[in-house]
Amino acid sequence: MGSGATVHNTSKVEWILRIGVFGTFLGHGLLAININPAWIPYLTILSFTPAQAQLIMPIIGAVDVIIALWVLLKPNKYLLLWAFFWSLATAVIRPLSGELLLAFIERSANWAAPLALYFYKYRRDAS
C-alpha cells in the first residue's frame, strides 16, 4: 500500500489509525492555537519564557492542525515518523515538567498510533 492509496483500496485498519492520529493532532493543535495555559510549563522547561511560550504555542498548534489533515488525507512515511517523535516528545515532557509518570503513560496511544500506521503502511515486512 503506497501513499497514493485511495479510499476504496485503503484498509479499515489504516483508516482507523489515520483517524486516530488526525484526532490527536487536530485536538491538540486547536488547544495550542487557543494557548492552553496548562501547557506553558512544557515550553518553559525548554528555556522559553512564559511570554515566548504564548507566542510560539499558536504556531505549534497550526503545525499540528496541518499534520492532522495531511495524515488523514495523504500520509507519508516522513510525516508519520515526525508525528511519532513529536507525540513521544510531548508525552515525555509532562513528567519532566513535574507531572506524574502516569501523564506519560496515559498518552501512549498518542505516539503509538502514528508509529503503528508507519509500520502498517511502510514496514509490514519488517519483523
C-alpha atoms as a PDB file:
ATOM      1  CA  MET A   1       0.000   0.000   0.000  1.00  0.00           C
ATOM      2  CA  GLY A   2       1.744   3.107  -1.172  1.00  0.00           C
ATOM      3  CA  SER A   3       0.968   6.679  -0.211  1.00  0.00           C
ATOM      4  CA  GLY A   4      -1.228   7.024  -3.320  1.00  0.00           C
ATOM      5  CA  ALA A   5      -3.897   4.731  -1.864  1.00  0.00           C
ATOM      6  CA  THR A   6      -7.496   5.806  -2.318  1.00  0.00           C
ATOM      7  CA  VAL A   7     -10.475   5.416  -0.023  1.00  0.00           C
ATOM      8  CA  HIS A   8     -11.514   2.314  -1.950  1.00  0.00           C
ATOM      9  CA  ASN A   9      -8.267   0.377  -1.608  1.00  0.00           C
ATOM     10  CA  THR A  10      -7.181   1.601   1.809  1.00  0.00           C
ATOM     11  CA  SER A  11      -7.809  -0.919   4.558  1.00  0.00           C
ATOM     12  CA  LYS A  12     -10.093  -0.322   7.509  1.00  0.00           C
ATOM     13  CA  VAL A  13      -7.141  -0.706   9.884  1.00  0.00           C
ATOM     14  CA  GLU A  14      -5.254   2.034   8.083  1.00  0.00           C
ATOM     15  CA  TRP A  15      -8.284   4.350   8.192  1.00  0.00           C
ATOM     16  CA  ILE A  16      -8.750   3.737  11.911  1.00  0.00           C
ATOM     17  CA  LEU A  17      -5.107   4.636  12.549  1.00  0.00           C
ATOM     18  CA  ARG A  18      -5.281   7.683  10.266  1.00  0.00           C
ATOM     19  CA  ILE A  19      -8.392   8.929  12.064  1.00  0.00           C
ATOM     20  CA  GLY A  20      -6.732   8.329  15.443  1.00  0.00           C
ATOM     21  CA  VAL A  21      -3.660  10.361  14.509  1.00  0.00           C
ATOM     22  CA  PHE A  22      -5.885  13.017  12.930  1.00  0.00           C
ATOM     23  CA  GLY A  23      -7.953  13.372  16.094  1.00  0.00           C
ATOM     24  CA  THR A  24      -4.907  13.573  18.343  1.00  0.00           C
ATOM     25  CA  PHE A  25      -3.188  16.247  16.270  1.00  0.00           C
ATOM     26  CA  LEU A  26      -6.333  18.226  15.484  1.00  0.00           C
ATOM     27  CA  GLY A  27      -7.420  18.324  19.119  1.00  0.00           C
ATOM     28  CA  HIS A  28      -4.016  19.252  20.459  1.00  0.00           C
ATOM     29  CA  GLY A  29      -3.472  21.709  17.638  1.00  0.00           C
ATOM     30  CA  LEU A  30      -6.697  23.585  18.351  1.00  0.00           C
ATOM     31  CA  LEU A  31      -5.896  23.694  22.053  1.00  0.00           C
ATOM     32  CA  ALA A  32      -2.436  25.093  21.282  1.00  0.00           C
ATOM     33  CA  ILE A  33      -3.803  27.696  18.861  1.00  0.00           C
ATOM     34  CA  ASN A  34      -6.005  28.898  21.715  1.00  0.00           C
ATOM     35  CA  ILE A  35      -2.929  28.987  24.017  1.00  0.00           C
ATOM     36  CA  ASN A  36      -3.757  26.365  26.614  1.00  0.00           C
ATOM     37  CA  PRO A  37      -2.287  27.893  29.813  1.00  0.00           C
ATOM     38  CA  ALA A  38      -1.690  24.426  31.296  1.00  0.00           C
ATOM     39  CA  TRP A  39       0.879  23.800  28.554  1.00  0.00           C
ATOM     40  CA  ILE A  40       3.088  26.827  29.254  1.00  0.00           C
ATOM     41  CA  PRO A  41       5.285  24.834  31.715  1.00  0.00           C
ATOM     42  CA  TYR A  42       6.065  22.348  28.925  1.00  0.00           C
ATOM     43  CA  LEU A  43       7.721  25.135  26.976  1.00  0.00           C
ATOM     44  CA  THR A  44       9.303  26.937  29.919  1.00  0.00           C
ATOM     45  CA  ILE A  45      11.170  23.734  30.817  1.00  0.00           C
ATOM     46  CA  LEU A  46      12.797  24.131  27.379  1.00  0.00           C
ATOM     47  CA  SER A  47      14.000  27.637  28.359  1.00  0.00           C
ATOM     48  CA  PHE A  48      11.172  29.614  26.754  1.00  0.00           C
ATOM     49  CA  THR A  49       9.795  32.419  28.890  1.00  0.00           C
ATOM     50  CA  PRO A  50       6.042  32.309  29.565  1.00  0.00           C
ATOM     51  CA  ALA A  51       5.606  35.192  27.097  1.00  0.00           C
ATOM     52  CA  GLN A  52       7.579  33.327  24.430  1.00  0.00           C
ATOM     53  CA  ALA A  53       5.567  30.174  25.137  1.00  0.00           C
ATOM     54  CA  GLN A  54       2.366  32.093  24.480  1.00  0.00           C
ATOM     55  CA  LEU A  55       3.779  33.396  21.203  1.00  0.00           C
ATOM     56  CA  ILE A  56       5.031  30.047  19.929  1.00  0.00           C
ATOM     57  CA  MET A  57       2.099  27.905  21.053  1.00  0.00           C
ATOM     58  CA  PRO A  58      -0.273  29.012  18.249  1.00  0.00           C
ATOM     59  CA  ILE A  59       2.450  28.265  15.692  1.00  0.00           C
ATOM     60  CA  ILE A  60       2.911  24.789  17.139  1.00  0.00           C
ATOM     61  CA  GLY A  61      -0.860  24.384  17.063  1.00  0.00           C
ATOM     62  CA  ALA A  62      -1.118  25.419  13.426  1.00  0.00           C
ATOM     63  CA  VAL A  63       1.580  22.885  12.505  1.00  0.00           C
ATOM     64  CA  ASP A  64      -0.328  20.209  14.437  1.00  0.00           C
ATOM     65  CA  VAL A  65      -3.537  21.001  12.511  1.00  0.00           C
ATOM     66  CA  ILE A  66      -1.666  20.770   9.202  1.00  0.00           C
ATOM     67  CA  ILE A  67      -0.185  17.419  10.255  1.00  0.00           C
ATOM     68  CA  ALA A  68      -3.659  16.197  11.275  1.00  0.00           C
ATOM     69  CA  LEU A  69      -5.106  16.984   7.859  1.00  0.00           C
ATOM     70  CA  TRP A  70      -2.084  15.646   5.991  1.00  0.00           C
ATOM     71  CA  VAL A  71      -2.140  12.321   7.853  1.00  0.00           C
ATOM     72  CA  LEU A  72      -5.855  11.964   7.213  1.00  0.00           C
ATOM     73  CA  LEU A  73      -5.688  12.777   3.507  1.00  0.00           C
ATOM     74  CA  LYS A  74      -2.276  11.593   2.301  1.00  0.00           C
ATOM     75  CA  PRO A  75       0.156  10.282   4.907  1.00  0.00           C
ATOM     76  CA  ASN A  76       3.755   9.602   4.044  1.00  0.00           C
ATOM     77  CA  LYS A  77       6.481   7.858   5.987  1.00  0.00           C
ATOM     78  CA  TYR A  78       8.394  11.007   6.958  1.00  0.00           C
ATOM     79  CA  LEU A  79       5.267  12.704   8.237  1.00  0.00           C
ATOM     80  CA  LEU A  80       4.337   9.642  10.289  1.00  0.00           C
ATOM     81  CA  LEU A  81       7.815   9.442  11.780  1.00  0.00           C
ATOM     82  CA  TRP A  82       7.605  13.154  12.684  1.00  0.00           C
ATOM     83  CA  ALA A  83       4.161  12.576  14.247  1.00  0.00           C
ATOM     84  CA  PHE A  84       5.601   9.713  16.284  1.00  0.00           C
ATOM     85  CA  PHE A  85       8.633  11.658  17.522  1.00  0.00           C
ATOM     86  CA  TRP A  86       6.630  14.825  18.251  1.00  0.00           C
ATOM     87  CA  SER A  87       3.949  12.874  20.140  1.00  0.00           C
ATOM     88  CA  LEU A  88       6.556  10.960  22.102  1.00  0.00           C
ATOM     89  CA  ALA A  89       8.397  14.181  22.986  1.00  0.00           C
ATOM     90  CA  THR A  90       5.217  15.916  24.131  1.00  0.00           C
ATOM     91  CA  ALA A  91       4.342  12.911  26.279  1.00  0.00           C
ATOM     92  CA  VAL A  92       7.843  12.734  27.796  1.00  0.00           C
ATOM     93  CA  ILE A  93       7.849  16.472  28.599  1.00  0.00           C
ATOM     94  CA  ARG A  94       4.999  16.009  31.063  1.00  0.00           C
ATOM     95  CA  PRO A  95       6.860  14.074  33.770  1.00  0.00           C
ATOM     96  CA  LEU A  96       9.952  16.177  33.042  1.00  0.00           C
ATOM     97  CA  SER A  97       7.933  19.281  33.911  1.00  0.00           C
ATOM     98  CA  GLY A  98       6.836  17.844  37.249  1.00  0.00           C
ATOM     99  CA  GLU A  99       3.741  15.805  36.355  1.00  0.00           C
ATOM    100  CA  LEU A 100       3.379  12.173  37.348  1.00  0.00           C
ATOM    101  CA  LEU A 101       4.779   9.422  35.146  1.00  0.00           C
ATOM    102  CA  LEU A 102       1.152   8.466  34.612  1.00  0.00           C
ATOM    103  CA  ALA A 103       0.798  11.608  32.444  1.00  0.00           C
ATOM    104  CA  PHE A 104       3.243   9.976  30.026  1.00  0.00           C
ATOM    105  CA  ILE A 105       1.692   6.518  30.255  1.00  0.00           C
ATOM    106  CA  GLU A 106      -1.835   7.721  29.518  1.00  0.00           C
ATOM    107  CA  ARG A 107      -0.599   9.327  26.298  1.00  0.00           C
ATOM    108  CA  SER A 108       0.869   6.114  24.894  1.00  0.00           C
ATOM    109  CA  ALA A 109      -1.739   5.950  22.134  1.00  0.00           C
ATOM    110  CA  ASN A 110      -0.763   9.457  21.001  1.00  0.00           C
ATOM    111  CA  TRP A 111       2.666   8.259  19.884  1.00  0.00           C
ATOM    112  CA  ALA A 112       1.821   4.596  19.280  1.00  0.00           C
ATOM    113  CA  ALA A 113      -0.826   5.334  16.624  1.00  0.00           C
ATOM    114  CA  PRO A 114       1.488   7.167  14.199  1.00  0.00           C
ATOM    115  CA  LEU A 115       4.182   4.539  14.786  1.00  0.00           C
ATOM    116  CA  ALA A 116       1.696   1.736  14.137  1.00  0.00           C
ATOM    117  CA  LEU A 117       0.473   3.471  10.970  1.00  0.00           C
ATOM    118  CA  TYR A 118       4.075   3.858   9.793  1.00  0.00           C
ATOM    119  CA  PHE A 119       4.786   0.150  10.281  1.00  0.00           C
ATOM    120  CA  TYR A 120       1.441  -0.844   8.777  1.00  0.00           C
ATOM    121  CA  LYS A 121       1.977   1.193   5.605  1.00  0.00           C
ATOM    122  CA  TYR A 122       5.720   1.073   5.074  1.00  0.00           C
ATOM    123  CA  ARG A 123       7.348  -1.697   7.077  1.00  0.00           C
ATOM    124  CA  ARG A 124       4.864  -4.572   7.068  1.00  0.00           C
ATOM    125  CA  ASP A 125       7.577  -6.984   6.083  1.00  0.00           C
ATOM    126  CA  ALA A 126       9.819  -5.882   8.990  1.00  0.00           C
ATOM    127  CA  SER A 127       9.935  -8.300  11.905  1.00  0.00           C
END
